[in-house]
């Protein structure tokens, strides 16, 4: 399973209510033993998704791509 997750609450996220999401997203993925990449630039999205999908298939486990910065604006 490929997970595409908006990584709200990162530095620069102006929406104050989303702050706690950053505090829980990475720890939860670590507990689930799900590898992840944090992507903050639009030009990195395609490669990150292709790489994560390949890893998902090869490893037979969930892999997450966390989208932050300019990718969620």
N, C-alpha and C. Protein backbone atom coordinates (compact mmCIF):
# COMPACT_ATOMS: atom_id res chain seq x y z
N UNK A 1 0.84 -1.16 0.00
CA UNK A 1 0.00 0.00 0.00
C UNK A 1 0.90 1.24 0.00
N UNK A 2 0.63 2.14 -0.92
CA UNK A 2 1.34 3.42 -0.99
C UNK A 2 0.47 4.47 -0.30
N UNK A 3 1.05 5.15 0.68
CA UNK A 3 0.33 6.18 1.43
C UNK A 3 0.86 7.55 1.02
N UNK A 4 -0.02 8.42 0.54
CA UNK A 4 0.32 9.81 0.26
C UNK A 4 -0.35 10.64 1.35
N UNK A 5 0.48 11.28 2.18
CA UNK A 5 -0.03 11.94 3.39
C UNK A 5 0.36 13.41 3.39
N UNK A 6 -0.61 14.32 3.50
CA UNK A 6 -0.25 15.72 3.68
C UNK A 6 0.38 15.89 5.06
N UNK A 7 1.59 16.41 5.08
CA UNK A 7 2.36 16.51 6.33
C UNK A 7 2.16 17.89 6.92
N UNK A 8 0.98 18.08 7.47
CA UNK A 8 0.63 19.38 8.04
C UNK A 8 1.33 19.57 9.38
N UNK A 9 1.53 20.83 9.74
CA UNK A 9 2.15 21.15 11.02
C UNK A 9 3.65 21.29 10.94
N UNK A 10 4.22 21.15 9.74
CA UNK A 10 5.66 21.33 9.58
C UNK A 10 5.98 22.82 9.64
N UNK A 11 7.22 23.16 9.81
CA UNK A 11 7.63 24.57 9.86
C UNK A 11 7.20 25.26 8.57
N UNK A 12 6.57 26.40 8.72
CA UNK A 12 6.08 27.15 7.57
C UNK A 12 4.59 26.94 7.30
N UNK A 13 3.99 25.96 7.95
CA UNK A 13 2.55 25.73 7.79
C UNK A 13 1.84 26.77 8.65
N UNK A 14 1.14 27.68 7.99
CA UNK A 14 0.52 28.81 8.69
C UNK A 14 -0.78 28.45 9.40
N UNK A 15 -1.31 27.27 9.17
CA UNK A 15 -2.57 26.89 9.79
C UNK A 15 -2.30 26.31 11.17
N UNK A 16 -2.51 27.07 12.21
CA UNK A 16 -2.12 26.73 13.58
C UNK A 16 -2.72 25.42 14.08
N UNK A 17 -3.91 25.09 13.63
CA UNK A 17 -4.60 23.91 14.12
C UNK A 17 -3.88 22.61 13.74
N UNK A 18 -3.04 22.66 12.73
CA UNK A 18 -2.38 21.45 12.23
C UNK A 18 -1.08 21.11 12.95
N UNK A 19 -0.64 21.93 13.87
CA UNK A 19 0.60 21.68 14.59
C UNK A 19 0.74 20.29 15.18
N UNK A 20 -0.27 19.77 15.86
CA UNK A 20 -0.16 18.44 16.47
C UNK A 20 0.02 17.30 15.46
N UNK A 21 -0.40 17.49 14.22
CA UNK A 21 -0.27 16.41 13.24
C UNK A 21 1.19 16.02 13.03
N UNK A 22 2.08 16.99 13.02
CA UNK A 22 3.49 16.69 12.84
C UNK A 22 4.01 15.86 14.02
N UNK A 23 3.49 16.12 15.19
CA UNK A 23 3.95 15.41 16.39
C UNK A 23 3.52 13.95 16.41
N UNK A 24 2.52 13.59 15.62
CA UNK A 24 2.02 12.22 15.64
C UNK A 24 2.30 11.42 14.37
N UNK A 25 2.47 12.09 13.24
CA UNK A 25 2.60 11.38 11.96
C UNK A 25 3.84 10.49 11.91
N UNK A 26 5.01 11.07 12.11
CA UNK A 26 6.25 10.27 12.03
C UNK A 26 6.31 9.18 13.11
N UNK A 27 5.98 9.48 14.37
CA UNK A 27 6.01 8.41 15.38
C UNK A 27 5.06 7.25 15.03
N UNK A 28 3.90 7.56 14.49
CA UNK A 28 2.97 6.50 14.12
C UNK A 28 3.53 5.64 12.99
N UNK A 29 4.13 6.26 11.98
CA UNK A 29 4.72 5.50 10.88
C UNK A 29 5.87 4.63 11.39
N UNK A 30 6.63 5.13 12.36
CA UNK A 30 7.73 4.34 12.93
C UNK A 30 7.19 3.13 13.70
N UNK A 31 6.12 3.32 14.47
CA UNK A 31 5.51 2.22 15.20
C UNK A 31 4.99 1.16 14.23
N UNK A 32 4.45 1.59 13.11
CA UNK A 32 3.94 0.67 12.09
C UNK A 32 5.05 0.07 11.24
N UNK A 33 6.27 0.52 11.47
CA UNK A 33 7.42 0.06 10.70
C UNK A 33 7.23 0.34 9.20
N UNK A 34 6.68 1.51 8.91
CA UNK A 34 6.42 1.92 7.54
C UNK A 34 7.47 2.96 7.12
N UNK A 35 8.33 2.62 6.16
CA UNK A 35 9.31 3.59 5.68
C UNK A 35 8.60 4.79 5.05
N UNK A 36 9.25 5.95 5.11
CA UNK A 36 8.62 7.15 4.54
C UNK A 36 9.67 8.13 4.05
N UNK A 37 9.22 9.00 3.15
CA UNK A 37 10.03 10.12 2.66
C UNK A 37 9.25 11.40 2.89
N UNK A 38 9.95 12.46 3.25
CA UNK A 38 9.32 13.77 3.42
C UNK A 38 9.68 14.60 2.19
N UNK A 39 8.68 15.04 1.45
CA UNK A 39 8.89 15.78 0.21
C UNK A 39 8.36 17.20 0.39
N UNK A 40 9.21 18.19 0.13
CA UNK A 40 8.79 19.58 0.33
C UNK A 40 8.80 20.41 -0.95
N UNK A 41 9.26 19.84 -2.06
CA UNK A 41 9.33 20.59 -3.32
C UNK A 41 8.51 19.88 -4.40
N UNK A 42 7.77 20.66 -5.15
CA UNK A 42 6.91 20.08 -6.18
C UNK A 42 7.66 19.23 -7.19
N UNK A 43 8.85 19.63 -7.56
CA UNK A 43 9.61 18.88 -8.57
C UNK A 43 10.09 17.52 -8.06
N UNK A 44 9.99 17.26 -6.77
CA UNK A 44 10.41 15.98 -6.19
C UNK A 44 9.27 14.97 -6.07
N UNK A 45 8.04 15.41 -6.28
CA UNK A 45 6.88 14.56 -6.02
C UNK A 45 6.86 13.32 -6.90
N UNK A 46 6.99 13.49 -8.21
CA UNK A 46 6.87 12.34 -9.13
C UNK A 46 7.88 11.25 -8.82
N UNK A 47 9.14 11.63 -8.65
CA UNK A 47 10.18 10.65 -8.38
C UNK A 47 9.93 9.95 -7.05
N UNK A 48 9.50 10.71 -6.04
CA UNK A 48 9.23 10.12 -4.73
C UNK A 48 8.11 9.09 -4.80
N UNK A 49 7.06 9.40 -5.57
CA UNK A 49 5.94 8.47 -5.68
C UNK A 49 6.37 7.21 -6.43
N UNK A 50 7.10 7.38 -7.52
CA UNK A 50 7.58 6.22 -8.29
C UNK A 50 8.49 5.35 -7.42
N UNK A 51 9.41 5.98 -6.71
CA UNK A 51 10.33 5.24 -5.83
C UNK A 51 9.57 4.51 -4.72
N UNK A 52 8.62 5.20 -4.11
CA UNK A 52 7.86 4.60 -3.01
C UNK A 52 7.00 3.44 -3.53
N UNK A 53 6.40 3.59 -4.70
CA UNK A 53 5.59 2.51 -5.26
C UNK A 53 6.45 1.28 -5.55
N UNK A 54 7.65 1.51 -6.09
CA UNK A 54 8.57 0.40 -6.34
C UNK A 54 8.97 -0.30 -5.05
N UNK A 55 9.21 0.47 -4.02
CA UNK A 55 9.56 -0.12 -2.72
C UNK A 55 8.39 -0.89 -2.13
N UNK A 56 7.18 -0.35 -2.27
CA UNK A 56 5.99 -1.03 -1.77
C UNK A 56 5.85 -2.41 -2.40
N UNK A 57 6.05 -2.47 -3.71
CA UNK A 57 5.93 -3.74 -4.42
C UNK A 57 7.06 -4.70 -4.02
N UNK A 58 8.28 -4.19 -3.99
CA UNK A 58 9.43 -5.04 -3.66
C UNK A 58 9.41 -5.54 -2.23
N UNK A 59 9.08 -4.65 -1.31
CA UNK A 59 9.16 -4.99 0.11
C UNK A 59 7.87 -5.61 0.65
N UNK A 60 6.78 -5.52 -0.15
CA UNK A 60 5.48 -6.06 0.28
C UNK A 60 5.05 -5.50 1.63
N UNK A 61 5.16 -4.17 1.75
CA UNK A 61 4.74 -3.50 2.97
C UNK A 61 4.38 -2.06 2.65
N UNK A 62 3.65 -1.39 3.52
CA UNK A 62 3.28 0.00 3.26
C UNK A 62 4.50 0.92 3.24
N UNK A 63 4.46 1.90 2.35
CA UNK A 63 5.48 2.94 2.26
C UNK A 63 4.73 4.27 2.13
N UNK A 64 5.19 5.29 2.84
CA UNK A 64 4.50 6.58 2.85
C UNK A 64 5.34 7.67 2.21
N UNK A 65 4.65 8.59 1.56
CA UNK A 65 5.25 9.83 1.07
C UNK A 65 4.53 10.95 1.79
N UNK A 66 5.28 11.71 2.58
CA UNK A 66 4.71 12.83 3.34
C UNK A 66 4.95 14.10 2.54
N UNK A 67 3.87 14.81 2.22
CA UNK A 67 3.95 16.02 1.40
C UNK A 67 3.85 17.24 2.29
N UNK A 68 4.84 18.12 2.22
CA UNK A 68 4.87 19.31 3.06
C UNK A 68 5.37 20.50 2.23
N UNK A 69 5.57 21.61 2.89
CA UNK A 69 6.12 22.79 2.21
C UNK A 69 5.26 23.23 1.05
N UNK A 70 5.91 23.53 -0.09
CA UNK A 70 5.19 24.04 -1.25
C UNK A 70 4.26 22.99 -1.86
N UNK A 71 4.40 21.74 -1.52
CA UNK A 71 3.57 20.69 -2.12
C UNK A 71 2.14 20.73 -1.62
N UNK A 72 1.87 21.40 -0.51
CA UNK A 72 0.51 21.44 0.02
C UNK A 72 -0.06 22.85 0.03
N UNK A 73 0.62 23.78 -0.58
CA UNK A 73 0.11 25.17 -0.61
C UNK A 73 -0.74 25.41 -1.81
